[in-house]
Amino acid sequence: LAYLVVGVVVVEVVFVYPGMGQYLV
């Protein structure tokens, strides 16, 4: 579950999802 929140950066970038990972990148 921690990975699902913290490790979503790559997935959010691939799908251009407006989450924390995309915001960070």
PDB file of all heavy atoms in Angstrom:
ATOM      1  N   LEU A   1       0.834  -1.198   0.000  1.00  0.00           N
ATOM      2  CA  LEU A   1       0.000   0.000   0.000  1.00  0.00           C
ATOM      3  C   LEU A   1       0.870   1.250   0.000  1.00  0.00           C
ATOM      4  O   LEU A   1       0.566   2.241  -0.672  1.00  0.00           O
ATOM      5  CB  LEU A   1      -0.927   0.005   1.219  1.00  0.00           C
ATOM      6  CG  LEU A   1      -2.051  -1.033   1.228  1.00  0.00           C
ATOM      7  CD1 LEU A   1      -2.899  -0.876   2.482  1.00  0.00           C
ATOM      8  CD2 LEU A   1      -2.924  -0.902  -0.008  1.00  0.00           C
ATOM      9  N   ALA A   2       1.964   1.202   0.764  1.00  0.00           N
ATOM     10  CA  ALA A   2       2.905   2.327   0.756  1.00  0.00           C
ATOM     11  C   ALA A   2       3.495   2.511  -0.632  1.00  0.00           C
ATOM     12  O   ALA A   2       3.655   3.643  -1.106  1.00  0.00           O
ATOM     13  CB  ALA A   2       4.013   2.089   1.780  1.00  0.00           C
ATOM     14  N   TYR A   3       3.788   1.397  -1.294  1.00  0.00           N
ATOM     15  CA  TYR A   3       4.305   1.507  -2.662  1.00  0.00           C
ATOM     16  C   TYR A   3       3.271   2.119  -3.592  1.00  0.00           C
ATOM     17  O   TYR A   3       3.604   2.919  -4.477  1.00  0.00           O
ATOM     18  CB  TYR A   3       4.726   0.138  -3.195  1.00  0.00           C
ATOM     19  CG  TYR A   3       5.035   0.183  -4.670  1.00  0.00           C
ATOM     20  CD1 TYR A   3       6.260   0.662  -5.113  1.00  0.00           C
ATOM     21  CD2 TYR A   3       4.085  -0.185  -5.617  1.00  0.00           C
ATOM     22  CE1 TYR A   3       6.539   0.745  -6.470  1.00  0.00           C
ATOM     23  CE2 TYR A   3       4.353  -0.093  -6.965  1.00  0.00           C
ATOM     24  CZ  TYR A   3       5.579   0.371  -7.386  1.00  0.00           C
ATOM     25  OH  TYR A   3       5.839   0.470  -8.722  1.00  0.00           O
ATOM     26  N   LEU A   4       1.995   1.744  -3.406  1.00  0.00           N
ATOM     27  CA  LEU A   4       0.947   2.263  -4.271  1.00  0.00           C
ATOM     28  C   LEU A   4       0.853   3.786  -4.192  1.00  0.00           C
ATOM     29  O   LEU A   4       0.501   4.445  -5.166  1.00  0.00           O
ATOM     30  CB  LEU A   4      -0.405   1.644  -3.898  1.00  0.00           C
ATOM     31  CG  LEU A   4      -0.623   0.189  -4.322  1.00  0.00           C
ATOM     32  CD1 LEU A   4      -1.956  -0.319  -3.804  1.00  0.00           C
ATOM     33  CD2 LEU A   4      -0.556   0.050  -5.834  1.00  0.00           C
ATOM     34  N   VAL A   5       1.154   4.345  -3.019  1.00  0.00           N
ATOM     35  CA  VAL A   5       1.106   5.797  -2.864  1.00  0.00           C
ATOM     36  C   VAL A   5       2.419   6.441  -3.289  1.00  0.00           C
ATOM     37  O   VAL A   5       2.441   7.447  -3.997  1.00  0.00           O
ATOM     38  CB  VAL A   5       0.770   6.180  -1.402  1.00  0.00           C
ATOM     39  CG1 VAL A   5       0.768   7.691  -1.225  1.00  0.00           C
ATOM     40  CG2 VAL A   5      -0.592   5.613  -1.006  1.00  0.00           C
ATOM     41  N   VAL A   6       3.533   5.841  -2.861  1.00  0.00           N
ATOM     42  CA  VAL A   6       4.849   6.457  -3.070  1.00  0.00           C
ATOM     43  C   VAL A   6       5.451   6.069  -4.420  1.00  0.00           C
ATOM     44  O   VAL A   6       6.148   6.874  -5.049  1.00  0.00           O
ATOM     45  CB  VAL A   6       5.801   6.050  -1.926  1.00  0.00           C
ATOM     46  CG1 VAL A   6       7.191   6.623  -2.149  1.00  0.00           C
ATOM     47  CG2 VAL A   6       5.248   6.525  -0.584  1.00  0.00           C
ATOM     48  N   GLY A   7       5.164   4.851  -4.875  1.00  0.00           N
ATOM     49  CA  GLY A   7       5.833   4.362  -6.072  1.00  0.00           C
ATOM     50  C   GLY A   7       5.053   4.528  -7.357  1.00  0.00           C
ATOM     51  O   GLY A   7       5.328   3.835  -8.347  1.00  0.00           O
ATOM     52  N   VAL A   8       4.064   5.421  -7.349  1.00  0.00           N
ATOM     53  CA  VAL A   8       3.230   5.583  -8.547  1.00  0.00           C
ATOM     54  C   VAL A   8       3.815   6.574  -9.541  1.00  0.00           C
ATOM     55  O   VAL A   8       3.181   6.862 -10.555  1.00  0.00           O
ATOM     56  CB  VAL A   8       1.803   6.047  -8.163  1.00  0.00           C
ATOM     57  CG1 VAL A   8       1.090   5.000  -7.354  1.00  0.00           C
ATOM     58  CG2 VAL A   8       1.857   7.367  -7.411  1.00  0.00           C
ATOM     59  N   VAL A   9       5.002   7.092  -9.269  1.00  0.00           N
ATOM     60  CA  VAL A   9       5.563   8.151 -10.113  1.00  0.00           C
ATOM     61  C   VAL A   9       5.637   7.717 -11.569  1.00  0.00           C
ATOM     62  O   VAL A   9       5.171   8.420 -12.477  1.00  0.00           O
ATOM     63  CB  VAL A   9       6.958   8.567  -9.598  1.00  0.00           C
ATOM     64  CG1 VAL A   9       7.577   9.600 -10.536  1.00  0.00           C
ATOM     65  CG2 VAL A   9       6.852   9.134  -8.186  1.00  0.00           C
ATOM     66  N   VAL A  10       6.210   6.532 -11.814  1.00  0.00           N
ATOM     67  CA  VAL A  10       6.375   6.050 -13.183  1.00  0.00           C
ATOM     68  C   VAL A  10       5.024   5.843 -13.843  1.00  0.00           C
ATOM     69  O   VAL A  10       4.808   6.241 -14.998  1.00  0.00           O
ATOM     70  CB  VAL A  10       7.189   4.738 -13.198  1.00  0.00           C
ATOM     71  CG1 VAL A  10       7.231   4.151 -14.602  1.00  0.00           C
ATOM     72  CG2 VAL A  10       8.600   4.989 -12.688  1.00  0.00           C
ATOM     73  N   VAL A  11       4.087   5.229 -13.129  1.00  0.00           N
ATOM     74  CA  VAL A  11       2.761   4.950 -13.698  1.00  0.00           C
ATOM     75  C   VAL A  11       2.031   6.247 -14.013  1.00  0.00           C
ATOM     76  O   VAL A  11       1.390   6.372 -15.068  1.00  0.00           O
ATOM     77  CB  VAL A  11       1.940   4.079 -12.729  1.00  0.00           C
ATOM     78  CG1 VAL A  11       0.517   3.896 -13.231  1.00  0.00           C
ATOM     79  CG2 VAL A  11       2.611   2.728 -12.537  1.00  0.00           C
ATOM     80  N   GLU A  12       2.115   7.238 -13.128  1.00  0.00           N
ATOM     81  CA  GLU A  12       1.449   8.512 -13.374  1.00  0.00           C
ATOM     82  C   GLU A  12       2.045   9.236 -14.576  1.00  0.00           C
ATOM     83  O   GLU A  12       1.322   9.874 -15.342  1.00  0.00           O
ATOM     84  CB  GLU A  12       1.532   9.392 -12.125  1.00  0.00           C
ATOM     85  CG  GLU A  12       0.652   8.913 -10.987  1.00  0.00           C
ATOM     86  CD  GLU A  12       0.611   9.880  -9.820  1.00  0.00           C
ATOM     87  OE1 GLU A  12       1.289  10.926  -9.891  1.00  0.00           O
ATOM     88  OE2 GLU A  12      -0.091   9.584  -8.847  1.00  0.00           O
ATOM     89  N   VAL A  13       3.337   9.128 -14.746  1.00  0.00           N
ATOM     90  CA  VAL A  13       3.984   9.769 -15.894  1.00  0.00           C
ATOM     91  C   VAL A  13       3.574   9.074 -17.193  1.00  0.00           C
ATOM     92  O   VAL A  13       3.277   9.729 -18.196  1.00  0.00           O
ATOM     93  CB  VAL A  13       5.515   9.763 -15.735  1.00  0.00           C
ATOM     94  CG1 VAL A  13       6.197  10.212 -17.016  1.00  0.00           C
ATOM     95  CG2 VAL A  13       5.931  10.666 -14.578  1.00  0.00           C
ATOM     96  N   VAL A  14       3.538   7.740 -17.187  1.00  0.00           N
ATOM     97  CA  VAL A  14       3.166   6.985 -18.397  1.00  0.00           C
ATOM     98  C   VAL A  14       1.751   7.337 -18.845  1.00  0.00           C
ATOM     99  O   VAL A  14       1.491   7.544 -20.043  1.00  0.00           O
ATOM    100  CB  VAL A  14       3.284   5.467 -18.142  1.00  0.00           C
ATOM    101  CG1 VAL A  14       2.647   4.677 -19.292  1.00  0.00           C
ATOM    102  CG2 VAL A  14       4.743   5.068 -17.982  1.00  0.00           C
ATOM    103  N   PHE A  15       0.828   7.451 -17.880  1.00  0.00           N
ATOM    104  CA  PHE A  15      -0.576   7.691 -18.228  1.00  0.00           C
ATOM    105  C   PHE A  15      -0.977   9.165 -18.071  1.00  0.00           C
ATOM    106  O   PHE A  15      -2.152   9.497 -18.168  1.00  0.00           O
ATOM    107  CB  PHE A  15      -1.485   6.817 -17.363  1.00  0.00           C
ATOM    108  CG  PHE A  15      -1.358   5.346 -17.639  1.00  0.00           C
ATOM    109  CD1 PHE A  15      -0.570   4.536 -16.833  1.00  0.00           C
ATOM    110  CD2 PHE A  15      -1.995   4.783 -18.727  1.00  0.00           C
ATOM    111  CE1 PHE A  15      -0.443   3.191 -17.090  1.00  0.00           C
ATOM    112  CE2 PHE A  15      -1.877   3.426 -18.995  1.00  0.00           C
ATOM    113  CZ  PHE A  15      -1.090   2.627 -18.178  1.00  0.00           C
ATOM    114  N   VAL A  16      -0.001  10.038 -17.820  1.00  0.00           N
ATOM    115  CA  VAL A  16      -0.233  11.481 -17.679  1.00  0.00           C
ATOM    116  C   VAL A  16      -1.362  11.725 -16.672  1.00  0.00           C
ATOM    117  O   VAL A  16      -2.311  12.477 -16.926  1.00  0.00           O
ATOM    118  CB  VAL A  16      -0.573  12.143 -19.038  1.00  0.00           C
ATOM    119  CG1 VAL A  16      -0.355  13.650 -18.959  1.00  0.00           C
ATOM    120  CG2 VAL A  16       0.284  11.573 -20.151  1.00  0.00           C
ATOM    121  N   TYR A  17      -1.248  11.064 -15.536  1.00  0.00           N
ATOM    122  CA  TYR A  17      -2.266  11.184 -14.493  1.00  0.00           C
ATOM    123  C   TYR A  17      -1.918  12.358 -13.577  1.00  0.00           C
ATOM    124  O   TYR A  17      -0.772  12.471 -13.122  1.00  0.00           O
ATOM    125  CB  TYR A  17      -2.335   9.894 -13.678  1.00  0.00           C
ATOM    126  CG  TYR A  17      -3.397   9.888 -12.612  1.00  0.00           C
ATOM    127  CD1 TYR A  17      -4.739   9.801 -12.946  1.00  0.00           C
ATOM    128  CD2 TYR A  17      -3.057   9.964 -11.266  1.00  0.00           C
ATOM    129  CE1 TYR A  17      -5.717   9.781 -11.966  1.00  0.00           C
ATOM    130  CE2 TYR A  17      -4.019   9.949 -10.286  1.00  0.00           C
ATOM    131  CZ  TYR A  17      -5.357   9.852 -10.639  1.00  0.00           C
ATOM    132  OH  TYR A  17      -6.323   9.847  -9.667  1.00  0.00           O
ATOM    133  N   PRO A  18      -2.864  13.252 -13.289  1.00  0.00           N
ATOM    134  CA  PRO A  18      -2.554  14.454 -12.490  1.00  0.00           C
ATOM    135  C   PRO A  18      -2.439  14.178 -10.998  1.00  0.00           C
ATOM    136  O   PRO A  18      -3.242  14.654 -10.185  1.00  0.00           O
ATOM    137  CB  PRO A  18      -3.752  15.373 -12.801  1.00  0.00           C
ATOM    138  CG  PRO A  18      -4.878  14.436 -13.052  1.00  0.00           C
ATOM    139  CD  PRO A  18      -4.279  13.244 -13.753  1.00  0.00           C
ATOM    140  N   GLY A  19      -1.424  13.402 -10.628  1.00  0.00           N
ATOM    141  CA  GLY A  19      -1.204  13.069  -9.228  1.00  0.00           C
ATOM    142  C   GLY A  19       0.109  13.626  -8.713  1.00  0.00           C
ATOM    143  O   GLY A  19       0.762  14.446  -9.357  1.00  0.00           O
ATOM    144  N   MET A  20       0.508  13.147  -7.553  1.00  0.00           N
ATOM    145  CA  MET A  20       1.735  13.634  -6.916  1.00  0.00           C
ATOM    146  C   MET A  20       2.974  13.288  -7.733  1.00  0.00           C
ATOM    147  O   MET A  20       3.916  14.084  -7.815  1.00  0.00           O
ATOM    148  CB  MET A  20       1.860  13.022  -5.518  1.00  0.00           C
ATOM    149  CG  MET A  20       0.941  13.636  -4.485  1.00  0.00           C
ATOM    150  SD  MET A  20       1.528  15.234  -3.923  1.00  0.00           S
ATOM    151  CE  MET A  20       2.988  14.731  -3.006  1.00  0.00           C
ATOM    152  N   GLY A  21       2.984  12.096  -8.329  1.00  0.00           N
ATOM    153  CA  GLY A  21       4.146  11.699  -9.112  1.00  0.00           C
ATOM    154  C   GLY A  21       4.367  12.598 -10.312  1.00  0.00           C
ATOM    155  O   GLY A  21       5.497  13.041 -10.572  1.00  0.00           O
ATOM    156  N   GLN A  22       3.305  12.894 -11.047  1.00  0.00           N
ATOM    157  CA  GLN A  22       3.404  13.790 -12.196  1.00  0.00           C
ATOM    158  C   GLN A  22       3.802  15.193 -11.755  1.00  0.00           C
ATOM    159  O   GLN A  22       4.606  15.873 -12.408  1.00  0.00           O
ATOM    160  CB  GLN A  22       2.058  13.828 -12.921  1.00  0.00           C
ATOM    161  CG  GLN A  22       2.049  14.656 -14.190  1.00  0.00           C
ATOM    162  CD  GLN A  22       2.860  14.008 -15.299  1.00  0.00           C
ATOM    163  OE1 GLN A  22       2.748  12.806 -15.536  1.00  0.00           O
ATOM    164  NE2 GLN A  22       3.676  14.784 -15.977  1.00  0.00           N
ATOM    165  N   TYR A  23       3.244  15.630 -10.638  1.00  0.00           N
ATOM    166  CA  TYR A  23       3.571  16.955 -10.081  1.00  0.00           C
ATOM    167  C   TYR A  23       5.058  17.035  -9.727  1.00  0.00           C
ATOM    168  O   TYR A  23       5.730  18.040 -10.026  1.00  0.00           O
ATOM    169  CB  TYR A  23       2.708  17.178  -8.843  1.00  0.00           C
ATOM    170  CG  TYR A  23       2.843  18.532  -8.184  1.00  0.00           C
ATOM    171  CD1 TYR A  23       2.503  19.707  -8.848  1.00  0.00           C
ATOM    172  CD2 TYR A  23       3.292  18.645  -6.864  1.00  0.00           C
ATOM    173  CE1 TYR A  23       2.603  20.947  -8.242  1.00  0.00           C
ATOM    174  CE2 TYR A  23       3.397  19.875  -6.251  1.00  0.00           C
ATOM    175  CZ  TYR A  23       3.050  21.021  -6.936  1.00  0.00           C
ATOM    176  OH  TYR A  23       3.167  22.253  -6.327  1.00  0.00           O
ATOM    177  N   LEU A  24       5.590  15.986  -9.138  1.00  0.00           N
ATOM    178  CA  LEU A  24       7.006  15.952  -8.770  1.00  0.00           C
ATOM    179  C   LEU A  24       7.895  15.988 -10.004  1.00  0.00           C
ATOM    180  O   LEU A  24       8.855  16.770 -10.074  1.00  0.00           O
ATOM    181  CB  LEU A  24       7.294  14.695  -7.951  1.00  0.00           C
ATOM    182  CG  LEU A  24       8.750  14.391  -7.610  1.00  0.00           C
ATOM    183  CD1 LEU A  24       9.358  15.510  -6.766  1.00  0.00           C
ATOM    184  CD2 LEU A  24       8.877  13.055  -6.882  1.00  0.00           C
ATOM    185  N   VAL A  25       7.593  15.163 -10.987  1.00  0.00           N
ATOM    186  CA  VAL A  25       8.423  15.095 -12.192  1.00  0.00           C
ATOM    187  C   VAL A  25       8.415  16.427 -12.937  1.00  0.00           C
ATOM    188  O   VAL A  25       9.447  16.898 -13.430  1.00  0.00           O
ATOM    189  CB  VAL A  25       7.940  13.948 -13.101  1.00  0.00           C
ATOM    190  CG1 VAL A  25       8.644  13.996 -14.458  1.00  0.00           C
ATOM    191  CG2 VAL A  25       8.182  12.610 -12.439  1.00  0.00           C
TER     192      VAL A  25
END
